[in-house]
Amino acid sequence: MSDVTALDSLEETTHVEVFDGGSPRTVQLRLEADERVPAHRHPDSNVVLLVLSGSLELTLGDEKYDLEPDDVVRFDGDQDISPRAVEPSTALIVFGPKCAS
């Protein structure tokens, strides 16, 4: 069965799971201007972040990226990650499991 969800219908919180119990995990991230998610890791995941609106400064390890709507970043979750909103911003983040080598 298919499940269609409009992002605008999701709750107005910082992190919202798009689909219940889904794998890969899919999260909508909403941040107000100058709001930051503290540095953290997702060591078991490959991560894809799509900026939907606003402007984000994304710190990955020692690198910083300035992101605008429609920018997509793919990265290994086993590094420090910290997004900061330059202006009110929304992003869609997908956490995919790493494949065993």
N, C-alpha and C. Protein backbone atom coordinates (compact mmCIF):
# COMPACT_ATOMS: atom_id res chain seq x y z
N MET A 1 0.84 -1.17 0.00
CA MET A 1 0.00 0.00 0.00
C MET A 1 0.89 1.24 0.00
N SER A 2 0.53 2.23 -0.75
CA SER A 2 1.28 3.49 -0.82
C SER A 2 0.80 4.44 0.26
N ASP A 3 1.70 5.31 0.68
CA ASP A 3 1.37 6.31 1.69
C ASP A 3 1.86 7.66 1.18
N VAL A 4 0.93 8.58 0.93
CA VAL A 4 1.27 9.91 0.45
C VAL A 4 1.09 10.89 1.59
N THR A 5 2.13 11.70 1.83
CA THR A 5 2.10 12.67 2.92
C THR A 5 2.53 14.03 2.40
N ALA A 6 1.74 15.06 2.66
CA ALA A 6 2.13 16.43 2.31
C ALA A 6 2.98 16.98 3.44
N LEU A 7 4.16 17.51 3.11
CA LEU A 7 5.04 18.03 4.15
C LEU A 7 4.37 19.14 4.96
N ASP A 8 3.55 19.96 4.32
CA ASP A 8 2.87 21.05 5.03
C ASP A 8 1.89 20.54 6.08
N SER A 9 1.47 19.29 5.98
CA SER A 9 0.52 18.77 6.95
C SER A 9 1.18 18.23 8.20
N LEU A 10 2.50 18.16 8.22
CA LEU A 10 3.19 17.63 9.38
C LEU A 10 3.21 18.66 10.51
N GLU A 11 3.38 18.17 11.71
CA GLU A 11 3.36 19.02 12.90
C GLU A 11 4.43 20.10 12.84
N GLU A 12 4.19 21.18 13.53
CA GLU A 12 5.12 22.31 13.57
C GLU A 12 6.14 22.12 14.69
N THR A 13 7.01 21.13 14.57
CA THR A 13 8.08 20.92 15.53
C THR A 13 9.39 20.87 14.77
N THR A 14 10.50 20.89 15.50
CA THR A 14 11.80 20.90 14.85
C THR A 14 12.04 19.65 14.03
N HIS A 15 11.81 18.46 14.61
CA HIS A 15 12.01 17.19 13.91
C HIS A 15 10.67 16.46 13.83
N VAL A 16 10.27 16.09 12.64
CA VAL A 16 9.03 15.34 12.45
C VAL A 16 9.33 14.14 11.59
N GLU A 17 8.98 12.95 12.07
CA GLU A 17 9.10 11.74 11.26
C GLU A 17 8.05 11.82 10.15
N VAL A 18 8.48 11.67 8.91
CA VAL A 18 7.54 11.76 7.80
C VAL A 18 6.66 10.51 7.74
N PHE A 19 7.26 9.33 7.93
CA PHE A 19 6.51 8.07 7.89
C PHE A 19 6.75 7.31 9.18
N ASP A 20 5.71 6.74 9.76
CA ASP A 20 5.83 5.97 11.00
C ASP A 20 6.64 4.71 10.78
N GLY A 21 7.65 4.51 11.63
CA GLY A 21 8.42 3.27 11.62
C GLY A 21 9.09 2.95 10.30
N GLY A 22 9.26 3.96 9.47
CA GLY A 22 9.78 3.71 8.13
C GLY A 22 11.28 3.46 8.10
N SER A 23 11.68 2.72 7.14
CA SER A 23 13.09 2.51 6.87
C SER A 23 13.25 2.60 5.37
N PRO A 24 14.05 3.51 4.88
CA PRO A 24 14.93 4.37 5.66
C PRO A 24 14.13 5.43 6.41
N ARG A 25 14.73 5.89 7.50
CA ARG A 25 14.11 6.93 8.33
C ARG A 25 14.09 8.23 7.55
N THR A 26 12.95 8.91 7.54
CA THR A 26 12.78 10.16 6.81
C THR A 26 12.25 11.21 7.78
N VAL A 27 12.95 12.34 7.86
CA VAL A 27 12.62 13.38 8.85
C VAL A 27 12.51 14.73 8.16
N GLN A 28 11.52 15.50 8.58
CA GLN A 28 11.45 16.90 8.16
C GLN A 28 12.07 17.73 9.28
N LEU A 29 13.01 18.60 8.94
CA LEU A 29 13.68 19.46 9.91
C LEU A 29 13.26 20.89 9.64
N ARG A 30 12.72 21.55 10.66
CA ARG A 30 12.36 22.97 10.55
C ARG A 30 13.13 23.74 11.61
N LEU A 31 13.83 24.78 11.19
CA LEU A 31 14.59 25.61 12.11
C LEU A 31 14.26 27.07 11.89
N GLU A 32 14.17 27.82 12.98
CA GLU A 32 13.99 29.26 12.91
C GLU A 32 15.35 29.91 12.65
N ALA A 33 15.36 31.17 12.26
CA ALA A 33 16.62 31.88 11.99
C ALA A 33 17.56 31.77 13.19
N ASP A 34 18.81 31.44 12.92
CA ASP A 34 19.87 31.27 13.91
C ASP A 34 19.70 30.07 14.83
N GLU A 35 18.68 29.25 14.62
CA GLU A 35 18.54 28.03 15.40
C GLU A 35 19.51 26.98 14.85
N ARG A 36 20.14 26.24 15.74
CA ARG A 36 21.15 25.25 15.37
C ARG A 36 20.84 23.91 16.04
N VAL A 37 21.12 22.84 15.33
CA VAL A 37 21.10 21.51 15.93
C VAL A 37 22.53 21.24 16.39
N PRO A 38 22.73 20.95 17.68
CA PRO A 38 24.09 20.71 18.17
C PRO A 38 24.77 19.57 17.41
N ALA A 39 26.10 19.62 17.36
CA ALA A 39 26.88 18.59 16.67
C ALA A 39 26.52 17.21 17.21
N HIS A 40 26.30 16.29 16.29
CA HIS A 40 25.94 14.92 16.64
C HIS A 40 26.31 14.01 15.47
N ARG A 41 26.13 12.71 15.64
CA ARG A 41 26.46 11.73 14.58
C ARG A 41 25.33 10.75 14.38
N HIS A 42 25.31 10.15 13.21
CA HIS A 42 24.43 9.04 12.86
C HIS A 42 25.33 7.96 12.26
N PRO A 43 26.13 7.28 13.11
CA PRO A 43 27.20 6.41 12.62
C PRO A 43 26.75 5.23 11.77
N ASP A 44 25.53 4.78 11.90
CA ASP A 44 25.07 3.62 11.14
C ASP A 44 24.33 4.01 9.86
N SER A 45 24.41 5.30 9.48
CA SER A 45 23.60 5.77 8.35
C SER A 45 24.42 6.50 7.29
N ASN A 46 23.96 6.39 6.07
CA ASN A 46 24.31 7.31 5.00
C ASN A 46 23.16 8.31 4.99
N VAL A 47 23.48 9.59 4.83
CA VAL A 47 22.47 10.64 5.00
C VAL A 47 22.34 11.45 3.71
N VAL A 48 21.09 11.78 3.37
CA VAL A 48 20.79 12.69 2.28
C VAL A 48 19.95 13.82 2.86
N LEU A 49 20.40 15.07 2.65
CA LEU A 49 19.69 16.24 3.14
C LEU A 49 19.32 17.10 1.94
N LEU A 50 18.03 17.41 1.81
CA LEU A 50 17.50 18.25 0.74
C LEU A 50 16.92 19.51 1.36
N VAL A 51 17.43 20.67 0.99
CA VAL A 51 16.89 21.93 1.50
C VAL A 51 15.64 22.27 0.70
N LEU A 52 14.53 22.43 1.41
CA LEU A 52 13.25 22.76 0.76
C LEU A 52 13.01 24.26 0.72
N SER A 53 13.36 24.96 1.81
CA SER A 53 13.17 26.41 1.85
C SER A 53 14.17 27.01 2.83
N GLY A 54 14.42 28.29 2.66
CA GLY A 54 15.32 29.01 3.55
C GLY A 54 16.77 28.86 3.14
N SER A 55 17.65 28.95 4.12
CA SER A 55 19.08 28.90 3.88
C SER A 55 19.74 28.26 5.11
N LEU A 56 20.53 27.21 4.87
CA LEU A 56 21.20 26.50 5.96
C LEU A 56 22.71 26.61 5.83
N GLU A 57 23.37 26.68 6.96
CA GLU A 57 24.81 26.49 7.03
C GLU A 57 24.98 25.11 7.67
N LEU A 58 25.57 24.18 6.92
CA LEU A 58 25.73 22.81 7.39
C LEU A 58 27.19 22.56 7.69
N THR A 59 27.47 22.20 8.95
CA THR A 59 28.82 21.83 9.33
C THR A 59 28.90 20.31 9.33
N LEU A 60 29.84 19.78 8.53
CA LEU A 60 30.12 18.35 8.47
C LEU A 60 31.60 18.17 8.80
N GLY A 61 31.88 17.63 9.98
CA GLY A 61 33.27 17.52 10.40
C GLY A 61 33.89 18.90 10.48
N ASP A 62 34.97 19.11 9.71
CA ASP A 62 35.66 20.40 9.70
C ASP A 62 35.23 21.31 8.56
N GLU A 63 34.28 20.87 7.74
CA GLU A 63 33.84 21.63 6.56
C GLU A 63 32.50 22.30 6.83
N LYS A 64 32.29 23.48 6.18
CA LYS A 64 31.01 24.18 6.26
C LYS A 64 30.48 24.37 4.85
N TYR A 65 29.17 24.19 4.70
CA TYR A 65 28.50 24.33 3.41
C TYR A 65 27.34 25.29 3.56
N ASP A 66 27.23 26.25 2.65
CA ASP A 66 26.10 27.17 2.60
C ASP A 66 25.10 26.59 1.61
N LEU A 67 23.89 26.28 2.09
CA LEU A 67 22.90 25.58 1.28
C LEU A 67 21.66 26.43 1.07
N GLU A 68 21.13 26.33 -0.12
CA GLU A 68 19.92 27.05 -0.53
C GLU A 68 18.87 26.03 -0.98
N PRO A 69 17.61 26.45 -1.22
CA PRO A 69 16.59 25.52 -1.69
C PRO A 69 17.05 24.74 -2.92
N ASP A 70 16.70 23.46 -2.92
CA ASP A 70 17.01 22.48 -3.96
C ASP A 70 18.43 21.94 -3.88
N ASP A 71 19.25 22.43 -2.93
CA ASP A 71 20.57 21.83 -2.74
C ASP A 71 20.41 20.49 -2.04
N VAL A 72 21.16 19.49 -2.50
CA VAL A 72 21.15 18.15 -1.92
C VAL A 72 22.56 17.82 -1.48
N VAL A 73 22.70 17.32 -0.25
CA VAL A 73 23.99 16.91 0.27
C VAL A 73 23.88 15.45 0.67
N ARG A 74 24.83 14.63 0.20
CA ARG A 74 24.91 13.22 0.59
C ARG A 74 26.19 13.05 1.39
N PHE A 75 26.09 12.38 2.57
CA PHE A 75 27.28 12.23 3.40
C PHE A 75 27.16 11.04 4.33
N ASP A 76 28.32 10.61 4.83
CA ASP A 76 28.41 9.55 5.82
C ASP A 76 28.04 10.13 7.17
N GLY A 77 27.13 9.50 7.87
CA GLY A 77 26.67 10.00 9.16
C GLY A 77 27.67 9.83 10.29
N ASP A 78 28.81 9.19 10.02
CA ASP A 78 29.81 8.96 11.05
C ASP A 78 30.81 10.11 11.11
N GLN A 79 30.29 11.32 11.23
CA GLN A 79 31.08 12.53 11.42
C GLN A 79 30.19 13.53 12.13
N ASP A 80 30.78 14.55 12.74
CA ASP A 80 29.97 15.55 13.42
C ASP A 80 29.13 16.31 12.40
N ILE A 81 27.83 16.44 12.70
CA ILE A 81 26.85 17.08 11.82
C ILE A 81 26.15 18.17 12.63
N SER A 82 26.07 19.39 12.08
CA SER A 82 25.38 20.46 12.80
C SER A 82 24.81 21.46 11.79
N PRO A 83 23.50 21.38 11.51
CA PRO A 83 22.88 22.41 10.66
C PRO A 83 22.48 23.64 11.47
N ARG A 84 22.62 24.83 10.85
CA ARG A 84 22.18 26.09 11.45
C ARG A 84 21.40 26.85 10.39
N ALA A 85 20.24 27.36 10.79
CA ALA A 85 19.41 28.13 9.86
C ALA A 85 19.89 29.57 9.80
N VAL A 86 20.19 30.05 8.61
CA VAL A 86 20.54 31.44 8.39
C VAL A 86 19.26 32.28 8.42
N GLU A 87 18.19 31.68 7.94
CA GLU A 87 16.83 32.25 7.97
C GLU A 87 15.89 31.09 8.24
N PRO A 88 14.61 31.31 8.51
CA PRO A 88 13.72 30.17 8.74
C PRO A 88 13.86 29.19 7.57
N SER A 89 14.05 27.90 7.92
CA SER A 89 14.39 26.91 6.91
C SER A 89 13.72 25.58 7.17
N THR A 90 13.50 24.83 6.08
CA THR A 90 12.96 23.48 6.15
C THR A 90 13.80 22.59 5.26
N ALA A 91 14.11 21.40 5.78
CA ALA A 91 14.88 20.42 5.01
C ALA A 91 14.24 19.05 5.20
N LEU A 92 14.43 18.19 4.22
CA LEU A 92 14.01 16.79 4.30
C LEU A 92 15.28 15.97 4.40
N ILE A 93 15.34 15.10 5.41
CA ILE A 93 16.55 14.30 5.65
C ILE A 93 16.18 12.83 5.62
N VAL A 94 16.96 12.05 4.87
CA VAL A 94 16.76 10.60 4.78
C VAL A 94 17.99 9.93 5.34
N PHE A 95 17.77 9.01 6.29
CA PHE A 95 18.84 8.23 6.90
C PHE A 95 18.75 6.81 6.37
N GLY A 96 19.66 6.46 5.48
CA GLY A 96 19.68 5.11 4.90
C GLY A 96 20.71 4.25 5.60
N PRO A 97 20.38 2.98 5.83
CA PRO A 97 21.35 2.11 6.49
C PRO A 97 22.58 1.89 5.62
N LYS A 98 23.74 1.79 6.28
CA LYS A 98 24.97 1.49 5.54
C LYS A 98 24.96 0.02 5.15
N CYS A 99 25.46 -0.26 3.98
CA CYS A 99 25.57 -1.64 3.52
C CYS A 99 26.79 -2.28 4.14
N ALA A 100 26.68 -3.54 4.49
CA ALA A 100 27.83 -4.27 5.03
C ALA A 100 28.86 -4.48 3.93
N SER A 101 30.13 -4.33 4.26
CA SER A 101 31.18 -4.50 3.26
C SER A 101 31.59 -5.94 3.15
